[in-house]
């Protein structure tokens, strides 16, 4: 957060920085989407999804604190959230952007003080691997079409990471 931009908060996910984090791509759970959820099952590459979901509540509490106490926001839906990351961080920010609307519609995150955060999210993914199943990717695209997510995925031709995991079916 920066007081010169009092209506914006940036959530940045770090990319691969060690052999341990690089191993997230090569686990069997990152090759085929696993179905996650109780009522409606959604497919995610679990090896990448797990570290995203482990920090999500900490991230939400942190951005709410920054918006309320640092930026002094009080108006509902007034603080825009930007998320970005490179490589593994790009996959994690993509997961975060997808989960954002579901979280924002779930108690307690749909009431004060969380309601000062915008329902929409801006996501810029840099050099990330694929991280969503075909069905979830289609839902993600529908959210982009409805402008619930503003999304840009930047890739470099020849980068092997952006082609992982290999498409099947």
Protein backbone atom coordinates (compact mmCIF):
# COMPACT_ATOMS: atom_id res chain seq x y z
CA UNK A 1 0.00 0.00 0.00
CA UNK A 2 1.15 3.53 -0.73
CA UNK A 3 -0.57 6.65 0.65
CA UNK A 4 0.03 8.37 -2.70
CA UNK A 5 -2.42 5.80 -4.17
CA UNK A 6 -5.05 5.67 -1.40
CA UNK A 7 -7.48 3.47 -3.32
CA UNK A 8 -5.07 0.67 -4.32
CA UNK A 9 -3.40 -2.28 -2.63
CA UNK A 10 -0.91 -4.59 -4.32
CA UNK A 11 -0.62 -8.29 -3.46
CA UNK A 12 2.56 -9.75 -4.93
CA UNK A 13 3.29 -13.48 -4.91
CA UNK A 14 6.90 -14.58 -5.08
CA UNK A 15 8.01 -16.97 -7.78
CA UNK A 16 10.19 -20.04 -7.58
CA UNK A 17 13.27 -19.37 -5.46
CA UNK A 18 14.52 -22.79 -4.40
CA UNK A 19 14.57 -26.43 -5.42
CA UNK A 20 11.77 -27.01 -2.90
CA UNK A 21 9.42 -24.52 -4.55
CA UNK A 22 10.43 -25.70 -8.02
CA UNK A 23 9.37 -29.20 -6.94
CA UNK A 24 5.78 -27.96 -6.69
CA UNK A 25 5.61 -28.16 -10.49
CA UNK A 26 6.86 -31.73 -10.70
CA UNK A 27 4.72 -33.37 -8.04
CA UNK A 28 2.03 -35.71 -9.36
CA UNK A 29 -0.54 -33.37 -7.78
CA UNK A 30 0.62 -30.64 -10.17
CA UNK A 31 0.24 -32.73 -13.30
CA UNK A 32 -3.45 -33.60 -13.16
CA UNK A 33 -6.08 -31.32 -11.59
CA UNK A 34 -7.47 -32.61 -8.32
CA UNK A 35 -11.09 -31.96 -7.43
CA UNK A 36 -11.34 -29.67 -4.42
CA UNK A 37 -14.44 -28.49 -2.57
CA UNK A 38 -17.39 -29.84 -0.64
CA UNK A 39 -20.52 -28.85 -2.56
CA UNK A 40 -19.22 -28.01 -5.99
CA UNK A 41 -15.98 -29.68 -6.95
CA UNK A 42 -13.42 -27.59 -8.81
CA UNK A 43 -10.16 -28.77 -10.31
CA UNK A 44 -6.86 -27.15 -9.37
CA UNK A 45 -3.27 -28.23 -9.65
CA UNK A 46 -2.99 -29.00 -5.97
CA UNK A 47 0.79 -28.61 -5.69
CA UNK A 48 0.37 -24.94 -6.67
CA UNK A 49 -3.07 -24.43 -5.08
CA UNK A 50 -2.00 -25.61 -1.61
CA UNK A 51 0.53 -22.82 -0.90
CA UNK A 52 -1.97 -20.27 -2.29
CA UNK A 53 -4.75 -21.36 0.02
CA UNK A 54 -2.46 -21.65 3.05
CA UNK A 55 -1.82 -17.89 3.03
CA UNK A 56 -5.14 -16.57 1.76
CA UNK A 57 -6.64 -15.58 5.13
CA UNK A 58 -3.39 -13.92 6.22
CA UNK A 59 -3.36 -11.96 2.95
CA UNK A 60 -7.00 -10.91 3.41
CA UNK A 61 -6.41 -9.74 6.97
CA UNK A 62 -3.27 -7.87 5.89
CA UNK A 63 -4.90 -6.01 3.00
CA UNK A 64 -7.91 -5.15 5.14
CA UNK A 65 -5.62 -3.75 7.82
CA UNK A 66 -3.68 -1.71 5.24
CA UNK A 67 -6.87 -0.39 3.64
CA UNK A 68 -8.53 0.53 6.94
CA UNK A 69 -5.66 1.61 9.19
CA UNK A 70 -2.95 2.75 6.77
CA UNK A 71 -4.95 4.14 3.84
CA UNK A 72 -7.87 5.19 6.12
CA UNK A 73 -10.48 3.85 3.68
CA UNK A 74 -14.07 3.86 4.93
CA UNK A 75 -16.28 3.66 1.84
CA UNK A 76 -17.50 0.19 0.83
CA UNK A 77 -16.02 -1.25 -2.38
CA UNK A 78 -13.51 1.62 -2.63
CA UNK A 79 -10.08 -0.03 -2.45
CA UNK A 80 -8.95 -1.86 -5.60
CA UNK A 81 -6.80 -4.96 -5.19
CA UNK A 82 -4.06 -5.68 -7.72
CA UNK A 83 -2.36 -9.06 -7.62
CA UNK A 84 0.69 -10.14 -9.56
CA UNK A 85 3.49 -12.67 -9.52
CA UNK A 86 6.11 -14.38 -11.66
CA UNK A 87 6.33 -18.11 -12.39
CA UNK A 88 4.96 -19.92 -9.32
CA UNK A 89 3.86 -16.50 -8.01
CA UNK A 90 1.94 -15.94 -11.26
CA UNK A 91 0.05 -19.20 -10.75
CA UNK A 92 -0.64 -18.28 -7.13
CA UNK A 93 -1.94 -14.82 -8.07
CA UNK A 94 -4.19 -16.44 -10.70
CA UNK A 95 -5.62 -18.77 -8.04
CA UNK A 96 -6.04 -15.82 -5.68
CA UNK A 97 -7.89 -13.77 -8.33
CA UNK A 98 -10.23 -16.68 -9.08
CA UNK A 99 -10.99 -17.26 -5.40
CA UNK A 100 -11.46 -13.52 -4.72
CA UNK A 101 -15.12 -13.25 -5.74
CA UNK A 102 -16.09 -16.37 -3.82
CA UNK A 103 -14.31 -15.09 -0.74
CA UNK A 104 -15.82 -11.60 -1.07
CA UNK A 105 -19.31 -13.18 -1.11
CA UNK A 106 -18.70 -15.36 1.96
CA UNK A 107 -19.20 -14.24 5.58
CA UNK A 108 -17.41 -12.55 7.25
CA UNK A 109 -15.61 -11.21 4.16
CA UNK A 110 -18.80 -9.66 2.70
CA UNK A 111 -19.33 -7.28 5.63
CA UNK A 112 -17.42 -4.51 7.40
CA UNK A 113 -14.51 -4.03 7.65
CA UNK A 114 -13.77 -6.24 4.63
CA UNK A 115 -16.39 -4.56 2.44
CA UNK A 116 -14.08 -1.58 1.85
CA UNK A 117 -12.23 -3.86 -0.60
CA UNK A 118 -13.48 -3.91 -4.19
CA UNK A 119 -15.42 -6.93 -5.39
CA UNK A 120 -13.38 -6.78 -8.60
CA UNK A 121 -9.69 -7.68 -8.80
CA UNK A 122 -6.86 -6.93 -11.23
CA UNK A 123 -4.51 -9.86 -11.91
CA UNK A 124 -1.27 -9.74 -13.91
CA UNK A 125 0.47 -13.10 -14.21
CA UNK A 126 4.04 -13.20 -15.53
CA UNK A 127 5.52 -16.43 -16.92
CA UNK A 128 3.29 -18.71 -14.90
CA UNK A 129 2.47 -22.38 -15.44
CA UNK A 130 -1.11 -23.46 -15.99
CA UNK A 131 -2.85 -23.85 -12.65
CA UNK A 132 -6.58 -24.37 -13.30
CA UNK A 133 -8.55 -27.30 -14.68
CA UNK A 134 -10.39 -26.81 -17.96
CA UNK A 135 -13.72 -26.25 -16.16
CA UNK A 136 -12.28 -23.75 -13.68
CA UNK A 137 -10.36 -21.99 -16.47
CA UNK A 138 -13.67 -21.55 -18.33
CA UNK A 139 -15.28 -20.07 -15.19
CA UNK A 140 -12.24 -17.80 -14.84
CA UNK A 141 -12.69 -16.65 -18.46
CA UNK A 142 -16.39 -15.99 -17.80
CA UNK A 143 -15.41 -13.83 -14.81
CA UNK A 144 -13.01 -11.90 -17.06
CA UNK A 145 -15.76 -11.39 -19.65
CA UNK A 146 -18.06 -10.07 -16.89
CA UNK A 147 -15.21 -7.77 -15.76
CA UNK A 148 -15.12 -9.32 -12.28
CA UNK A 149 -11.44 -10.00 -12.96
CA UNK A 150 -9.23 -7.81 -15.10
CA UNK A 151 -6.58 -10.25 -16.27
CA UNK A 152 -3.35 -10.26 -18.22
CA UNK A 153 -1.09 -13.31 -18.60
CA UNK A 154 2.32 -12.42 -19.97
CA UNK A 155 4.37 -15.24 -21.49
CA UNK A 156 7.62 -15.47 -23.43
CA UNK A 157 7.82 -17.70 -26.48
CA UNK A 158 9.95 -20.73 -25.70
CA UNK A 159 9.56 -20.48 -21.91
CA UNK A 160 9.01 -24.09 -20.77
CA UNK A 161 7.30 -23.07 -17.51
CA UNK A 162 4.33 -21.45 -19.26
CA UNK A 163 3.57 -24.76 -20.99
CA UNK A 164 3.46 -26.77 -17.77
CA UNK A 165 1.77 -29.01 -17.11
CA UNK A 166 1.45 -30.41 -20.60
CA UNK A 167 -2.06 -30.22 -22.02
CA UNK A 168 -3.97 -33.48 -21.98
CA UNK A 169 -7.37 -34.05 -23.52
